[in-house]
Amino acid sequence: MRKYTMKPAALYLMSGLIFAAAILASALIRAYLGSFKILMFSLIGIFLSLAVLFGLILLPMFFRRTVIYVSLGEITVHTGLLFLRREQMKMSAVQYVTRISLPLSGFSGFNFIAVRALGGTLLLPFLNSVDCDEIMNSLRVEMSKKR
């Protein structure tokens, strides 16, 4: 059984984008609602507190708690924030596998694997490129054994 975790670069990139969007929204609010001081400061506080909540607390907690296990018999994904969830799929049920990679995925960690079976899909998110290739190869080997 091999254990895979999500790539931290994806976390840093998403947290940075969250804070950049909050700063941009705060600048726009300041530019357009400058005459309404109470509303302006309230909205800026809401946007910045949401950025801190998601960028510094919830997103890192999600990345820490998400673990992927691949063994000869099954694929398991443990994930969740408040409620922990476990998704399992037997290797014998796998019908086909799709790799989804965004541009610069080697740097950013935006590699996903969609494992499809009859009646369901298991998504393996934010994988390292090497881990993604390794999982794809092991799944192809297991699928070729069935034929």
N, C-alpha and C. Protein backbone atom coordinates (compact mmCIF):
# COMPACT_ATOMS: atom_id res chain seq x y z
N MET A 1 0.85 -1.18 0.00
CA MET A 1 0.00 0.00 0.00
C MET A 1 0.90 1.24 0.00
N ARG A 2 0.59 2.14 -0.88
CA ARG A 2 1.37 3.37 -0.99
C ARG A 2 0.49 4.55 -0.61
N LYS A 3 1.07 5.49 0.11
CA LYS A 3 0.35 6.67 0.59
C LYS A 3 0.80 7.89 -0.21
N TYR A 4 -0.19 8.65 -0.71
CA TYR A 4 0.07 9.86 -1.47
C TYR A 4 -0.61 11.04 -0.78
N THR A 5 0.04 12.19 -0.80
CA THR A 5 -0.54 13.41 -0.27
C THR A 5 -0.62 14.45 -1.39
N MET A 6 -1.34 15.50 -1.14
CA MET A 6 -1.49 16.54 -2.14
C MET A 6 -0.25 17.43 -2.15
N LYS A 7 0.05 18.00 -3.30
CA LYS A 7 1.25 18.81 -3.46
C LYS A 7 1.04 20.17 -2.80
N PRO A 8 1.97 20.59 -1.93
CA PRO A 8 1.82 21.87 -1.23
C PRO A 8 1.85 23.09 -2.14
N ALA A 9 2.46 22.99 -3.30
CA ALA A 9 2.51 24.14 -4.22
C ALA A 9 1.10 24.56 -4.63
N ALA A 10 0.19 23.61 -4.77
CA ALA A 10 -1.19 23.96 -5.12
C ALA A 10 -1.85 24.75 -4.00
N LEU A 11 -1.54 24.38 -2.75
CA LEU A 11 -2.07 25.11 -1.60
C LEU A 11 -1.55 26.54 -1.59
N TYR A 12 -0.25 26.71 -1.80
CA TYR A 12 0.33 28.05 -1.78
C TYR A 12 -0.21 28.91 -2.91
N LEU A 13 -0.39 28.30 -4.08
CA LEU A 13 -0.91 29.05 -5.22
C LEU A 13 -2.36 29.48 -4.97
N MET A 14 -3.18 28.58 -4.46
CA MET A 14 -4.58 28.93 -4.21
C MET A 14 -4.70 29.95 -3.07
N SER A 15 -3.91 29.82 -2.02
CA SER A 15 -3.95 30.80 -0.93
C SER A 15 -3.51 32.17 -1.43
N GLY A 16 -2.48 32.20 -2.26
CA GLY A 16 -2.04 33.47 -2.83
C GLY A 16 -3.10 34.12 -3.69
N LEU A 17 -3.79 33.31 -4.48
CA LEU A 17 -4.87 33.84 -5.32
C LEU A 17 -6.04 34.34 -4.48
N ILE A 18 -6.32 33.67 -3.38
CA ILE A 18 -7.40 34.12 -2.49
C ILE A 18 -7.06 35.48 -1.91
N PHE A 19 -5.81 35.64 -1.43
CA PHE A 19 -5.42 36.92 -0.85
C PHE A 19 -5.34 38.02 -1.90
N ALA A 20 -4.88 37.68 -3.11
CA ALA A 20 -4.84 38.68 -4.19
C ALA A 20 -6.25 39.14 -4.56
N ALA A 21 -7.20 38.20 -4.60
CA ALA A 21 -8.59 38.57 -4.91
C ALA A 21 -9.18 39.43 -3.80
N ALA A 22 -8.85 39.13 -2.54
CA ALA A 22 -9.36 39.93 -1.43
C ALA A 22 -8.77 41.34 -1.45
N ILE A 23 -7.51 41.46 -1.78
CA ILE A 23 -6.88 42.79 -1.85
C ILE A 23 -7.45 43.58 -3.03
N LEU A 24 -7.66 42.91 -4.16
CA LEU A 24 -8.26 43.57 -5.31
C LEU A 24 -9.68 44.03 -5.01
N ALA A 25 -10.46 43.17 -4.36
CA ALA A 25 -11.83 43.54 -3.99
C ALA A 25 -11.82 44.71 -3.00
N SER A 26 -10.88 44.70 -2.06
CA SER A 26 -10.79 45.81 -1.09
C SER A 26 -10.43 47.12 -1.79
N ALA A 27 -9.52 47.05 -2.77
CA ALA A 27 -9.16 48.26 -3.51
C ALA A 27 -10.34 48.79 -4.31
N LEU A 28 -11.09 47.89 -4.94
CA LEU A 28 -12.26 48.32 -5.70
C LEU A 28 -13.34 48.90 -4.79
N ILE A 29 -13.53 48.28 -3.64
CA ILE A 29 -14.51 48.80 -2.68
C ILE A 29 -14.10 50.18 -2.20
N ARG A 30 -12.82 50.36 -1.92
CA ARG A 30 -12.33 51.66 -1.46
C ARG A 30 -12.49 52.73 -2.55
N ALA A 31 -12.27 52.33 -3.80
CA ALA A 31 -12.38 53.30 -4.90
C ALA A 31 -13.83 53.70 -5.16
N TYR A 32 -14.75 52.75 -5.08
CA TYR A 32 -16.13 53.04 -5.46
C TYR A 32 -17.05 53.38 -4.29
N LEU A 33 -16.70 52.97 -3.09
CA LEU A 33 -17.55 53.25 -1.93
C LEU A 33 -16.86 54.14 -0.92
N GLY A 34 -15.99 55.02 -1.38
CA GLY A 34 -15.23 55.89 -0.48
C GLY A 34 -16.12 56.85 0.30
N SER A 35 -17.25 57.25 -0.23
CA SER A 35 -18.13 58.19 0.46
C SER A 35 -18.98 57.51 1.53
N PHE A 36 -19.14 56.20 1.43
CA PHE A 36 -19.91 55.43 2.42
C PHE A 36 -18.93 54.70 3.34
N LYS A 37 -18.39 55.41 4.31
CA LYS A 37 -17.29 54.90 5.14
C LYS A 37 -17.67 53.63 5.90
N ILE A 38 -18.82 53.60 6.52
CA ILE A 38 -19.21 52.44 7.34
C ILE A 38 -19.38 51.21 6.45
N LEU A 39 -20.05 51.36 5.34
CA LEU A 39 -20.24 50.26 4.41
C LEU A 39 -18.90 49.81 3.83
N MET A 40 -18.05 50.78 3.49
CA MET A 40 -16.75 50.46 2.90
C MET A 40 -15.90 49.64 3.86
N PHE A 41 -15.77 50.09 5.10
CA PHE A 41 -14.94 49.38 6.06
C PHE A 41 -15.55 48.02 6.44
N SER A 42 -16.86 47.95 6.45
CA SER A 42 -17.52 46.67 6.74
C SER A 42 -17.23 45.65 5.65
N LEU A 43 -17.38 46.05 4.40
CA LEU A 43 -17.12 45.14 3.29
C LEU A 43 -15.65 44.74 3.21
N ILE A 44 -14.75 45.69 3.42
CA ILE A 44 -13.32 45.37 3.42
C ILE A 44 -13.01 44.38 4.53
N GLY A 45 -13.58 44.57 5.71
CA GLY A 45 -13.37 43.64 6.81
C GLY A 45 -13.91 42.25 6.51
N ILE A 46 -15.06 42.20 5.86
CA ILE A 46 -15.64 40.90 5.50
C ILE A 46 -14.75 40.17 4.49
N PHE A 47 -14.31 40.88 3.44
CA PHE A 47 -13.47 40.24 2.43
C PHE A 47 -12.14 39.77 3.00
N LEU A 48 -11.50 40.60 3.82
CA LEU A 48 -10.21 40.21 4.38
C LEU A 48 -10.35 39.08 5.41
N SER A 49 -11.42 39.09 6.19
CA SER A 49 -11.62 38.00 7.15
C SER A 49 -11.95 36.68 6.45
N LEU A 50 -12.69 36.74 5.35
CA LEU A 50 -12.95 35.53 4.56
C LEU A 50 -11.67 35.00 3.93
N ALA A 51 -10.80 35.90 3.47
CA ALA A 51 -9.52 35.47 2.90
C ALA A 51 -8.66 34.79 3.96
N VAL A 52 -8.64 35.32 5.17
CA VAL A 52 -7.88 34.71 6.25
C VAL A 52 -8.50 33.37 6.62
N LEU A 53 -9.81 33.30 6.70
CA LEU A 53 -10.48 32.05 7.06
C LEU A 53 -10.19 30.95 6.04
N PHE A 54 -10.35 31.26 4.76
CA PHE A 54 -10.15 30.25 3.73
C PHE A 54 -8.67 30.01 3.43
N GLY A 55 -7.88 31.09 3.32
CA GLY A 55 -6.49 30.95 2.91
C GLY A 55 -5.56 30.45 3.99
N LEU A 56 -5.85 30.74 5.25
CA LEU A 56 -4.94 30.35 6.33
C LEU A 56 -5.47 29.24 7.23
N ILE A 57 -6.77 28.96 7.19
CA ILE A 57 -7.32 27.96 8.11
C ILE A 57 -7.93 26.78 7.36
N LEU A 58 -8.97 27.01 6.58
CA LEU A 58 -9.72 25.91 5.98
C LEU A 58 -8.97 25.18 4.88
N LEU A 59 -8.35 25.91 3.97
CA LEU A 59 -7.64 25.28 2.87
C LEU A 59 -6.43 24.46 3.34
N PRO A 60 -5.58 25.00 4.23
CA PRO A 60 -4.49 24.15 4.75
C PRO A 60 -4.98 22.94 5.55
N MET A 61 -6.10 23.09 6.26
CA MET A 61 -6.66 21.96 6.99
C MET A 61 -7.12 20.87 6.02
N PHE A 62 -7.73 21.28 4.91
CA PHE A 62 -8.18 20.33 3.90
C PHE A 62 -6.99 19.60 3.27
N PHE A 63 -5.92 20.33 2.98
CA PHE A 63 -4.74 19.71 2.39
C PHE A 63 -4.05 18.77 3.36
N ARG A 64 -4.04 19.10 4.64
CA ARG A 64 -3.42 18.22 5.65
C ARG A 64 -4.21 16.94 5.83
N ARG A 65 -5.53 17.01 5.75
CA ARG A 65 -6.38 15.85 6.04
C ARG A 65 -6.63 14.95 4.83
N THR A 66 -6.29 15.39 3.66
CA THR A 66 -6.54 14.57 2.47
C THR A 66 -5.35 13.66 2.20
N VAL A 67 -5.62 12.36 2.19
CA VAL A 67 -4.60 11.34 1.96
C VAL A 67 -5.18 10.32 0.98
N ILE A 68 -4.34 9.86 0.06
CA ILE A 68 -4.75 8.87 -0.94
C ILE A 68 -3.91 7.62 -0.73
N TYR A 69 -4.59 6.48 -0.63
CA TYR A 69 -3.91 5.19 -0.51
C TYR A 69 -4.21 4.36 -1.75
N VAL A 70 -3.16 3.82 -2.36
CA VAL A 70 -3.32 2.94 -3.51
C VAL A 70 -2.65 1.62 -3.17
N SER A 71 -3.42 0.55 -3.20
CA SER A 71 -2.87 -0.79 -2.96
C SER A 71 -3.25 -1.68 -4.14
N LEU A 72 -2.87 -2.93 -4.07
CA LEU A 72 -3.20 -3.86 -5.16
C LEU A 72 -4.69 -4.16 -5.23
N GLY A 73 -5.40 -4.02 -4.09
CA GLY A 73 -6.81 -4.36 -4.06
C GLY A 73 -7.77 -3.20 -4.20
N GLU A 74 -7.35 -1.98 -3.76
CA GLU A 74 -8.30 -0.87 -3.78
C GLU A 74 -7.59 0.47 -3.76
N ILE A 75 -8.38 1.50 -4.06
CA ILE A 75 -7.95 2.90 -3.98
C ILE A 75 -8.82 3.56 -2.93
N THR A 76 -8.20 4.27 -1.98
CA THR A 76 -8.95 4.92 -0.91
C THR A 76 -8.53 6.38 -0.82
N VAL A 77 -9.51 7.27 -0.67
CA VAL A 77 -9.26 8.69 -0.48
C VAL A 77 -9.89 9.10 0.84
N HIS A 78 -9.07 9.57 1.78
CA HIS A 78 -9.54 10.11 3.06
C HIS A 78 -9.50 11.62 2.94
N THR A 79 -10.62 12.29 3.19
CA THR A 79 -10.68 13.74 3.05
C THR A 79 -11.75 14.32 3.95
N GLY A 80 -11.82 15.64 4.02
CA GLY A 80 -12.87 16.31 4.77
C GLY A 80 -12.36 17.43 5.62
N LEU A 81 -13.25 18.31 6.02
CA LEU A 81 -12.91 19.40 6.92
C LEU A 81 -13.54 19.17 8.29
N LEU A 82 -14.83 19.31 8.37
CA LEU A 82 -15.52 19.09 9.64
C LEU A 82 -15.88 17.62 9.82
N PHE A 83 -16.33 17.02 8.75
CA PHE A 83 -16.68 15.60 8.77
C PHE A 83 -15.69 14.87 7.87
N LEU A 84 -15.03 13.88 8.41
CA LEU A 84 -14.07 13.12 7.62
C LEU A 84 -14.82 12.11 6.76
N ARG A 85 -14.39 11.98 5.51
CA ARG A 85 -15.07 11.12 4.55
C ARG A 85 -14.04 10.18 3.93
N ARG A 86 -14.44 8.96 3.71
CA ARG A 86 -13.56 7.99 3.08
C ARG A 86 -14.27 7.42 1.86
N GLU A 87 -13.61 7.51 0.72
CA GLU A 87 -14.14 6.96 -0.53
C GLU A 87 -13.22 5.83 -0.95
N GLN A 88 -13.83 4.68 -1.29
CA GLN A 88 -13.06 3.52 -1.69
C GLN A 88 -13.56 3.01 -3.04
N MET A 89 -12.63 2.43 -3.79
CA MET A 89 -12.99 1.78 -5.05
C MET A 89 -12.08 0.57 -5.21
N LYS A 90 -12.69 -0.54 -5.49
CA LYS A 90 -11.93 -1.77 -5.72
C LYS A 90 -11.21 -1.66 -7.07
N MET A 91 -10.02 -2.21 -7.12
CA MET A 91 -9.27 -2.21 -8.37
C MET A 91 -9.98 -3.03 -9.44
N SER A 92 -10.68 -4.05 -9.02
CA SER A 92 -11.39 -4.89 -9.98
C SER A 92 -12.56 -4.16 -10.63
N ALA A 93 -13.04 -3.08 -10.01
CA ALA A 93 -14.18 -2.35 -10.56
C ALA A 93 -13.76 -1.24 -11.52
N VAL A 94 -12.49 -0.91 -11.57
CA VAL A 94 -12.01 0.20 -12.41
C VAL A 94 -12.19 -0.15 -13.88
N GLN A 95 -12.87 0.77 -14.60
CA GLN A 95 -13.08 0.57 -16.03
C GLN A 95 -12.12 1.39 -16.87
N TYR A 96 -11.97 2.67 -16.54
CA TYR A 96 -10.98 3.48 -17.23
C TYR A 96 -10.55 4.63 -16.35
N VAL A 97 -9.41 5.21 -16.73
CA VAL A 97 -8.75 6.23 -15.91
C VAL A 97 -8.44 7.42 -16.81
N THR A 98 -8.68 8.62 -16.29
CA THR A 98 -8.41 9.85 -17.02
C THR A 98 -7.50 10.73 -16.20
N ARG A 99 -6.44 11.24 -16.82
CA ARG A 99 -5.54 12.19 -16.16
C ARG A 99 -5.87 13.58 -16.65
N ILE A 100 -6.03 14.51 -15.72
CA ILE A 100 -6.33 15.90 -16.04
C ILE A 100 -5.17 16.72 -15.51
N SER A 101 -4.44 17.37 -16.41
CA SER A 101 -3.30 18.20 -16.04
C SER A 101 -3.46 19.58 -16.65
N LEU A 102 -3.36 20.60 -15.83
CA LEU A 102 -3.43 21.97 -16.32
C LEU A 102 -2.04 22.42 -16.76
N PRO A 103 -1.94 23.50 -17.53
CA PRO A 103 -0.62 24.01 -17.90
C PRO A 103 0.21 24.34 -16.65
N LEU A 104 1.50 24.09 -16.74
CA LEU A 104 2.44 24.27 -15.63
C LEU A 104 2.09 23.39 -14.44
N SER A 105 1.53 22.23 -14.71
CA SER A 105 1.10 21.35 -13.62
C SER A 105 2.27 20.75 -12.87
N GLY A 106 3.43 20.65 -13.50
CA GLY A 106 4.61 20.16 -12.79
C GLY A 106 5.02 21.11 -11.69
N PHE A 107 4.82 22.39 -11.90
CA PHE A 107 5.13 23.40 -10.89
C PHE A 107 3.99 23.61 -9.91
N SER A 108 2.78 23.69 -10.43
CA SER A 108 1.65 24.07 -9.58
C SER A 108 0.98 22.92 -8.85
N GLY A 109 1.13 21.71 -9.34
CA GLY A 109 0.49 20.57 -8.68
C GLY A 109 -0.96 20.38 -9.06
N PHE A 110 -1.41 20.98 -10.15
CA PHE A 110 -2.79 20.82 -10.59
C PHE A 110 -2.90 19.61 -11.51
N ASN A 111 -2.61 18.44 -10.96
CA ASN A 111 -2.76 17.16 -11.64
C ASN A 111 -3.87 16.40 -10.93
N PHE A 112 -4.82 15.91 -11.69
CA PHE A 112 -5.94 15.16 -11.14
C PHE A 112 -6.05 13.84 -11.88
N ILE A 113 -6.53 12.82 -11.19
CA ILE A 113 -6.83 11.55 -11.83
C ILE A 113 -8.28 11.23 -11.53
N ALA A 114 -9.05 10.96 -12.58
CA ALA A 114 -10.44 10.53 -12.42
C ALA A 114 -10.49 9.04 -12.70
N VAL A 115 -10.80 8.26 -11.68
CA VAL A 115 -10.90 6.81 -11.80
C VAL A 115 -12.38 6.50 -11.94
N ARG A 116 -12.75 5.89 -13.04
CA ARG A 116 -14.17 5.65 -13.32
C ARG A 116 -14.47 4.16 -13.24
N ALA A 117 -15.62 3.87 -12.65
CA ALA A 117 -16.12 2.51 -12.55
C ALA A 117 -17.61 2.56 -12.83
N LEU A 118 -18.21 1.40 -12.90
CA LEU A 118 -19.63 1.34 -13.17
C LEU A 118 -20.39 1.98 -12.00
N GLY A 119 -20.98 3.12 -12.25
CA GLY A 119 -21.78 3.77 -11.23
C GLY A 119 -21.06 4.83 -10.41
N GLY A 120 -19.81 5.13 -10.70
CA GLY A 120 -19.15 6.13 -9.88
C GLY A 120 -17.81 6.58 -10.42
N THR A 121 -17.35 7.70 -9.86
CA THR A 121 -16.06 8.27 -10.21
C THR A 121 -15.34 8.64 -8.93
N LEU A 122 -14.07 8.34 -8.88
CA LEU A 122 -13.23 8.69 -7.74
C LEU A 122 -12.19 9.67 -8.24
N LEU A 123 -12.14 10.87 -7.65
CA LEU A 123 -11.22 11.91 -8.08
C LEU A 123 -10.05 11.96 -7.12
N LEU A 124 -8.85 11.87 -7.66
CA LEU A 124 -7.62 11.99 -6.88
C LEU A 124 -7.03 13.37 -7.17
N PRO A 125 -7.14 14.33 -6.23
CA PRO A 125 -6.83 15.72 -6.54
C PRO A 125 -5.39 16.13 -6.20
N PHE A 126 -4.91 17.17 -6.89
CA PHE A 126 -3.69 17.91 -6.59
C PHE A 126 -2.47 17.01 -6.36
N LEU A 127 -2.17 16.18 -7.33
CA LEU A 127 -1.06 15.24 -7.20
C LEU A 127 0.21 15.81 -7.80
N ASN A 128 1.32 15.34 -7.29
CA ASN A 128 2.63 15.61 -7.86
C ASN A 128 2.70 14.92 -9.22
N SER A 129 3.48 15.42 -10.16
CA SER A 129 3.56 14.82 -11.50
C SER A 129 4.10 13.40 -11.44
N VAL A 130 5.11 13.18 -10.63
CA VAL A 130 5.70 11.85 -10.51
C VAL A 130 4.70 10.88 -9.89
N ASP A 131 4.00 11.33 -8.83
CA ASP A 131 2.98 10.49 -8.20
C ASP A 131 1.85 10.18 -9.17
N CYS A 132 1.48 11.17 -9.96
CA CYS A 132 0.39 10.99 -10.93
C CYS A 132 0.78 9.94 -11.97
N ASP A 133 2.00 10.01 -12.47
CA ASP A 133 2.47 9.00 -13.44
C ASP A 133 2.52 7.62 -12.80
N GLU A 134 2.97 7.55 -11.57
CA GLU A 134 3.07 6.26 -10.86
C GLU A 134 1.70 5.63 -10.66
N ILE A 135 0.72 6.43 -10.24
CA ILE A 135 -0.63 5.92 -10.04
C ILE A 135 -1.24 5.47 -11.37
N MET A 136 -1.04 6.27 -12.42
CA MET A 136 -1.58 5.91 -13.73
C MET A 136 -0.99 4.59 -14.22
N ASN A 137 0.31 4.42 -14.05
CA ASN A 137 0.95 3.17 -14.49
C ASN A 137 0.44 1.97 -13.71
N SER A 138 0.30 2.12 -12.40
CA SER A 138 -0.18 1.00 -11.59
C SER A 138 -1.64 0.66 -11.93
N LEU A 139 -2.44 1.67 -12.23
CA LEU A 139 -3.84 1.41 -12.61
C LEU A 139 -3.92 0.75 -13.99
N ARG A 140 -3.06 1.16 -14.90
CA ARG A 140 -3.05 0.52 -16.22
C ARG A 140 -2.64 -0.94 -16.12
N VAL A 141 -1.65 -1.22 -15.27
CA VAL A 141 -1.23 -2.61 -15.08
C VAL A 141 -2.36 -3.44 -14.52
N GLU A 142 -3.08 -2.92 -13.52
CA GLU A 142 -4.19 -3.66 -12.93
C GLU A 142 -5.33 -3.84 -13.93
N MET A 143 -5.57 -2.84 -14.77
CA MET A 143 -6.64 -2.97 -15.76
C MET A 143 -6.26 -3.96 -16.85
N SER A 144 -4.98 -4.02 -17.19
CA SER A 144 -4.57 -4.98 -18.23
C SER A 144 -4.61 -6.43 -17.71
N LYS A 145 -4.51 -6.63 -16.40
CA LYS A 145 -4.62 -7.98 -15.83
C LYS A 145 -6.02 -8.53 -15.99
N LYS A 146 -7.02 -7.66 -16.02
CA LYS A 146 -8.41 -8.10 -16.14
C LYS A 146 -8.73 -8.64 -17.53
N ARG A 147 -8.01 -8.17 -18.51
CA ARG A 147 -8.33 -8.53 -19.90
C ARG A 147 -7.73 -9.81 -20.30
